[in-house]
Protein backbone atom coordinates (compact mmCIF):
# COMPACT_ATOMS: atom_id res chain seq x y z
CA UNK A 1 -85.00 22.22 -53.04
CA UNK A 2 -81.84 21.35 -50.90
CA UNK A 3 -81.70 23.70 -48.11
CA UNK A 4 -77.98 23.01 -47.24
CA UNK A 5 -74.64 23.23 -48.57
CA UNK A 6 -73.67 21.97 -52.26
CA UNK A 7 -71.69 18.87 -50.43
CA UNK A 8 -74.99 17.48 -49.22
CA UNK A 9 -77.06 15.44 -51.30
CA UNK A 10 -80.37 14.42 -50.41
CA UNK A 11 -81.80 11.33 -52.38
CA UNK A 12 -85.62 11.37 -53.64
CA UNK A 13 -85.99 8.15 -55.49
CA UNK A 14 -89.89 6.30 -54.88
CA UNK A 15 -87.29 2.80 -54.50
CA UNK A 16 -85.23 4.17 -51.74
CA UNK A 17 -88.47 5.91 -50.14
CA UNK A 18 -90.13 2.49 -50.46
CA UNK A 19 -87.46 0.74 -48.50
CA UNK A 20 -87.33 3.41 -45.87
CA UNK A 21 -90.85 3.20 -45.02
CA UNK A 22 -90.49 -0.61 -44.20
CA UNK A 23 -87.60 0.31 -42.15
CA UNK A 24 -89.27 2.66 -40.05
CA UNK A 25 -91.76 0.14 -39.79
CA UNK A 26 -92.01 -1.51 -36.20
CA UNK A 27 -93.34 -4.81 -37.68
CA UNK A 28 -90.41 -5.30 -40.11
CA UNK A 29 -88.61 -7.92 -38.61
CA UNK A 30 -84.50 -8.14 -38.11
CA UNK A 31 -83.64 -10.26 -41.29
CA UNK A 32 -85.61 -7.83 -43.34
CA UNK A 33 -84.34 -4.78 -41.37
CA UNK A 34 -80.69 -6.14 -42.18
CA UNK A 35 -81.20 -6.82 -45.76
CA UNK A 36 -82.95 -3.27 -46.29
CA UNK A 37 -80.07 -1.65 -44.94
CA UNK A 38 -77.85 -3.09 -47.19
CA UNK A 39 -80.04 -2.72 -50.31
CA UNK A 40 -80.36 0.65 -49.04
CA UNK A 41 -76.56 1.25 -48.82
CA UNK A 42 -76.28 0.03 -52.29
CA UNK A 43 -78.33 2.09 -54.00
CA UNK A 44 -76.58 4.84 -52.61
CA UNK A 45 -73.32 3.75 -53.79
CA UNK A 46 -74.31 4.60 -57.76
CA UNK A 47 -74.60 7.90 -56.74
CA UNK A 48 -72.09 8.65 -54.05
CA UNK A 49 -69.30 7.21 -56.44
CA UNK A 50 -70.49 8.93 -59.54
CA UNK A 51 -67.26 10.82 -59.50
CA UNK A 52 -64.62 7.90 -58.74
CA UNK A 53 -61.66 7.66 -60.44
CA UNK A 54 -61.33 5.35 -63.63
CA UNK A 55 -58.52 4.72 -66.15
CA UNK A 56 -58.63 3.16 -69.44
CA UNK A 57 -57.80 0.16 -70.84
CA UNK A 58 -57.74 -1.93 -73.76
CA UNK A 59 -60.07 -4.75 -73.96
CA UNK A 60 -60.26 -7.65 -76.36
CA UNK A 61 -63.96 -7.70 -77.22
CA UNK A 62 -65.36 -10.68 -79.46
CA UNK A 63 -65.22 -8.67 -82.61
CA UNK A 64 -62.46 -5.84 -81.81
CA UNK A 65 -60.12 -4.16 -79.10
CA UNK A 66 -60.90 -0.83 -77.58
CA UNK A 67 -60.42 1.31 -74.95
CA UNK A 68 -62.81 1.35 -72.30
CA UNK A 69 -62.81 2.59 -68.05
CA UNK A 70 -62.06 0.70 -65.24
CA UNK A 71 -61.80 2.07 -61.58
CA UNK A 72 -58.78 2.99 -60.89
CA UNK A 73 -58.67 4.10 -56.95
CA UNK A 74 -58.68 3.10 -53.58
CA UNK A 75 -61.76 2.65 -51.50
CA UNK A 76 -61.87 2.37 -48.20
CA UNK A 77 -65.57 1.72 -46.07
CA UNK A 78 -65.82 2.61 -42.57
CA UNK A 79 -68.80 1.61 -40.87
CA UNK A 80 -69.36 3.62 -37.31
CA UNK A 81 -69.85 0.84 -35.20
CA UNK A 82 -71.93 -0.81 -34.17
CA UNK A 83 -74.69 0.29 -36.71
CA UNK A 84 -72.70 1.14 -39.80
CA UNK A 85 -71.89 -2.50 -39.85
CA UNK A 86 -75.23 -3.27 -41.57
CA UNK A 87 -74.41 -1.03 -44.56
CA UNK A 88 -70.78 -2.31 -45.44
CA UNK A 89 -72.06 -5.54 -47.43
CA UNK A 90 -74.24 -3.66 -49.76
CA UNK A 91 -71.26 -1.04 -51.01
CA UNK A 92 -68.95 -4.45 -50.66
CA UNK A 93 -71.15 -5.76 -53.23
CA UNK A 94 -70.18 -2.90 -55.36
CA UNK A 95 -66.77 -2.92 -54.52
CA UNK A 96 -65.40 -6.33 -53.58
CA UNK A 97 -61.75 -5.32 -53.39
CA UNK A 98 -62.43 -2.36 -50.66
CA UNK A 99 -60.54 -2.12 -47.58
CA UNK A 100 -62.93 -1.97 -44.28
CA UNK A 101 -61.93 -0.01 -41.56
CA UNK A 102 -63.76 0.13 -38.28
CA UNK A 103 -64.26 3.02 -35.68
CA UNK A 104 -66.15 2.58 -32.48
CA UNK A 105 -67.87 5.96 -30.86
CA UNK A 106 -70.05 6.10 -27.82
CA UNK A 107 -72.25 9.36 -26.41
CA UNK A 108 -72.57 9.79 -23.03
CA UNK A 109 -75.92 9.24 -21.94
CA UNK A 110 -76.12 12.92 -20.24
CA UNK A 111 -74.20 15.25 -22.82
CA UNK A 112 -75.00 13.28 -25.65
CA UNK A 113 -71.20 14.10 -26.77
CA UNK A 114 -68.58 11.27 -28.69
CA UNK A 115 -66.04 9.85 -27.11
CA UNK A 116 -63.97 7.10 -29.36
CA UNK A 117 -63.11 3.78 -28.17
CA UNK A 118 -61.97 1.75 -31.38
CA UNK A 119 -60.40 2.86 -34.70
CA UNK A 120 -58.70 0.26 -36.88
CA UNK A 121 -57.91 1.84 -40.38
CA UNK A 122 -56.44 0.36 -43.57
CA UNK A 123 -52.71 2.25 -44.11
CA UNK A 124 -51.89 1.46 -47.35
CA UNK A 125 -55.12 3.29 -49.18
CA UNK A 126 -54.59 6.97 -46.79
CA UNK A 127 -54.56 8.72 -50.69
CA UNK A 128 -57.79 6.93 -51.75
CA UNK A 129 -61.36 7.52 -51.12
CA UNK A 130 -62.89 6.96 -47.45
CA UNK A 131 -66.42 6.11 -47.33
CA UNK A 132 -68.21 6.64 -43.54
CA UNK A 133 -71.26 4.89 -42.97
CA UNK A 134 -73.62 5.03 -40.37
CA UNK A 135 -77.33 4.50 -40.80
CA UNK A 136 -79.13 7.30 -38.77
CA UNK A 137 -77.43 10.84 -38.60
CA UNK A 138 -79.44 12.68 -35.85
CA UNK A 139 -77.53 14.56 -33.65
CA UNK A 140 -74.21 14.57 -36.24
CA UNK A 141 -72.25 13.97 -32.99
CA UNK A 142 -70.62 10.53 -34.08
CA UNK A 143 -70.26 11.06 -37.80
CA UNK A 144 -68.45 14.53 -37.16
CA UNK A 145 -66.23 13.24 -34.59
CA UNK A 146 -65.55 9.90 -36.61
CA UNK A 147 -64.53 12.07 -39.68
CA UNK A 148 -62.66 14.09 -37.35
CA UNK A 149 -60.70 10.83 -36.05
CA UNK A 150 -60.05 9.73 -39.29
CA UNK A 151 -58.64 12.73 -40.90
CA UNK A 152 -55.98 13.00 -38.01
CA UNK A 153 -54.73 9.47 -38.97
CA UNK A 154 -53.95 11.12 -42.47
CA UNK A 155 -57.02 10.81 -44.65
CA UNK A 156 -58.38 13.43 -46.42
CA UNK A 157 -61.02 12.00 -49.43
CA UNK A 158 -63.97 11.53 -47.02
CA UNK A 159 -67.46 10.86 -48.03
CA UNK A 160 -70.37 10.41 -45.56
CA UNK A 161 -73.28 7.92 -46.26
CA UNK A 162 -76.34 7.63 -43.84
CA UNK A 163 -79.80 6.39 -44.55
CA UNK A 164 -81.93 9.13 -42.62
CA UNK A 165 -80.51 12.55 -41.71
CA UNK A 166 -81.87 15.12 -38.97
CA UNK A 167 -81.47 18.59 -40.06
CA UNK A 168 -79.15 18.97 -36.69
CA UNK A 169 -77.02 16.26 -37.79
CA UNK A 170 -76.57 17.44 -41.31
CA UNK A 171 -75.91 21.01 -40.14
CA UNK A 172 -73.19 19.87 -37.16
CA UNK A 173 -71.22 17.65 -39.78
CA UNK A 174 -71.24 20.20 -42.55
CA UNK A 175 -70.39 22.82 -40.49
CA UNK A 176 -67.67 20.63 -39.05
CA UNK A 177 -66.31 19.20 -42.07
CA UNK A 178 -67.24 21.60 -45.05
CA UNK A 179 -65.10 19.55 -47.46
CA UNK A 180 -66.84 16.61 -46.85
CA UNK A 181 -69.35 15.33 -49.34
CA UNK A 182 -72.72 13.99 -47.28
CA UNK A 183 -74.80 11.66 -48.70
CA UNK A 184 -78.85 11.28 -46.74
CA UNK A 185 -80.91 8.51 -48.52
CA UNK A 186 -84.27 10.27 -46.59
CA UNK A 187 -84.52 13.57 -44.99
CA UNK A 188 -86.29 13.44 -41.69
CA UNK A 189 -87.67 17.61 -41.16
CA UNK A 190 -88.66 16.64 -37.52
CA UNK A 191 -86.98 17.35 -33.90
CA UNK A 192 -85.13 14.87 -32.09
CA UNK A 193 -86.37 13.40 -28.75
CA UNK A 194 -84.69 13.88 -25.51
CA UNK A 195 -82.45 11.22 -26.10
CA UNK A 196 -81.28 12.68 -29.37
CA UNK A 197 -83.29 9.91 -31.67
CA UNK A 198 -84.92 11.00 -34.91
CA UNK A 199 -88.31 10.43 -34.19
CA UNK A 200 -89.96 9.89 -37.60
CA UNK A 201 -86.82 7.26 -38.07
CA UNK A 202 -86.72 3.26 -37.34
CA UNK A 203 -85.46 3.45 -33.71
CA UNK A 204 -82.11 2.37 -32.49
CA UNK A 205 -80.56 1.04 -36.26
CA UNK A 206 -77.85 -1.62 -34.25
CA UNK A 207 -80.65 -3.28 -32.06
CA UNK A 208 -83.06 -3.53 -35.01
CA UNK A 209 -79.86 -5.04 -37.34
CA UNK A 210 -78.76 -7.56 -34.77
CA UNK A 211 -82.00 -8.33 -32.82
CA UNK A 212 -80.92 -6.79 -29.32
CA UNK A 213 -83.74 -4.80 -28.55
């Protein structure tokens, strides 16, 4: 049973759980890790976009004409640099015309508090759906801050997708942004370590995606 708000969706699918297990394996190499992150993002996209706006258009099929729905929404995917970049391709495979924004945030090593160092968002999708992506939702500081920075620039329809989420991170984001829907592929109900990492997860996703460990 979901112990969080109704705006939090925690996936419980055997295929996703299988892929998350391989992500957490220290023996999974860079190529495999990168591919699995993208695959999970795509699988999450099916559920996260269940309420996407559509419109009916007339289609000339081989045997008849009829009305059928097509997507009628502006999509902006915003990865939190740099680990979030690994989730972009999986979502773009679902929405090839999506715009891509970028937001860079670093955490103070002593306080673990987030600071923005870069933000570039498309200006023509401000009334559309924004999908913020980051593989790990640990303390929740970076995700909550990223959403705040995006809201400050006028965007209102925001969702967050994370592959692994800790209770501290989920609670921090939902408390700071109760209007934002949060999607987590795997719930890690374990304490964070002294550096703010989820101990039952894959370590530093950015290092593992880009091979810089």
